[in-house]
Amino acid sequence: MMVGVLGANAETRPQYGGVLHVAMRGVPVSLDPANSDQPDSFARRSITMLVFDTLVIMDESARVQAWLATSWQVSEN
């Protein structure tokens, strides 16, 4: 057990490339992130979260914070 711990250090560089395998309970019909009313929407959301980035995120206090968006406006209606 200690051998594995000793082999890793803080200077280990990330490895890019390769293949990521993700287990899913279902097969999504579509990967369109705007089409979330299908019965496979949980499987599609799980995949699209790995593929697409979001405009805003929620912080620890549940406040909306900018992510890709640089600004936004709230409509009166």
Protein backbone atom coordinates (compact mmCIF):
# COMPACT_ATOMS: atom_id res chain seq x y z
CA MET A 1 0.00 0.00 0.00
CA MET A 2 2.79 2.45 0.83
CA VAL A 3 4.52 1.75 -2.48
CA GLY A 4 1.63 3.35 -4.40
CA VAL A 5 1.60 6.35 -2.08
CA LEU A 6 5.34 6.86 -2.39
CA GLY A 7 5.20 6.71 -6.19
CA ALA A 8 2.80 9.68 -6.45
CA ASN A 9 3.88 13.24 -5.83
CA ALA A 10 2.50 16.77 -6.20
CA GLU A 11 4.44 17.28 -9.43
CA THR A 12 2.63 14.52 -11.34
CA ARG A 13 1.49 16.04 -14.62
CA PRO A 14 -1.97 15.42 -16.07
CA GLN A 15 -2.21 12.88 -18.86
CA TYR A 16 -4.06 14.09 -21.96
CA GLY A 17 -5.58 12.00 -24.72
CA GLY A 18 -6.81 8.47 -24.53
CA VAL A 19 -10.35 7.16 -24.11
CA LEU A 20 -12.82 7.78 -21.28
CA HIS A 21 -15.31 4.96 -20.65
CA VAL A 22 -18.48 5.94 -18.74
CA ALA A 23 -21.06 3.39 -17.55
CA MET A 24 -24.68 4.42 -18.19
CA ARG A 25 -27.97 2.83 -17.15
CA GLY A 26 -29.61 3.77 -20.44
CA VAL A 27 -28.78 4.83 -23.96
CA PRO A 28 -29.84 8.38 -24.81
CA VAL A 29 -31.86 8.88 -27.97
CA SER A 30 -30.18 12.24 -28.60
CA LEU A 31 -27.34 14.31 -27.13
CA ASP A 32 -29.16 17.62 -27.73
CA PRO A 33 -28.84 19.45 -24.37
CA ALA A 34 -31.93 21.57 -25.15
CA ASN A 35 -34.17 18.52 -25.53
CA SER A 36 -34.61 17.47 -21.89
CA ASP A 37 -38.23 16.23 -21.94
CA GLN A 38 -37.39 12.76 -23.22
CA PRO A 39 -37.51 9.67 -20.95
CA ASP A 40 -33.72 9.28 -21.25
CA SER A 41 -33.03 12.84 -20.05
CA PHE A 42 -30.99 11.70 -17.01
CA ALA A 43 -28.62 9.67 -19.19
CA ARG A 44 -28.36 12.54 -21.69
CA ARG A 45 -27.68 15.10 -18.91
CA SER A 46 -24.96 12.86 -17.51
CA ILE A 47 -23.20 12.68 -20.87
CA THR A 48 -23.69 16.32 -21.87
CA MET A 49 -22.20 17.47 -18.55
CA LEU A 50 -18.99 15.70 -19.63
CA VAL A 51 -19.06 17.17 -23.16
CA PHE A 52 -20.54 20.68 -22.94
CA ASP A 53 -19.71 23.59 -20.64
CA THR A 54 -22.32 25.87 -19.04
CA LEU A 55 -22.98 29.61 -19.14
CA VAL A 56 -23.42 29.97 -15.37
CA ILE A 57 -22.82 27.85 -12.27
CA MET A 58 -24.26 27.79 -8.75
CA ASP A 59 -21.82 28.53 -5.94
CA GLU A 60 -21.83 26.98 -2.45
CA SER A 61 -24.52 29.47 -1.35
CA ALA A 62 -26.77 28.67 -4.35
CA ARG A 63 -26.01 32.00 -6.01
CA VAL A 64 -25.65 32.17 -9.79
CA GLN A 65 -22.07 32.90 -10.85
CA ALA A 66 -20.67 33.53 -14.33
CA TRP A 67 -18.86 30.65 -15.97
CA LEU A 68 -18.73 31.02 -19.77
CA ALA A 69 -21.13 33.99 -19.75
CA THR A 70 -19.52 37.39 -19.29
CA SER A 71 -22.79 39.21 -18.55
CA TRP A 72 -26.57 38.77 -18.67
CA GLN A 73 -29.77 40.72 -18.18
CA VAL A 74 -33.03 39.74 -16.48
CA SER A 75 -36.13 40.42 -18.55
CA GLU A 76 -39.13 42.19 -16.99
CA ASN A 77 -41.48 39.47 -18.23
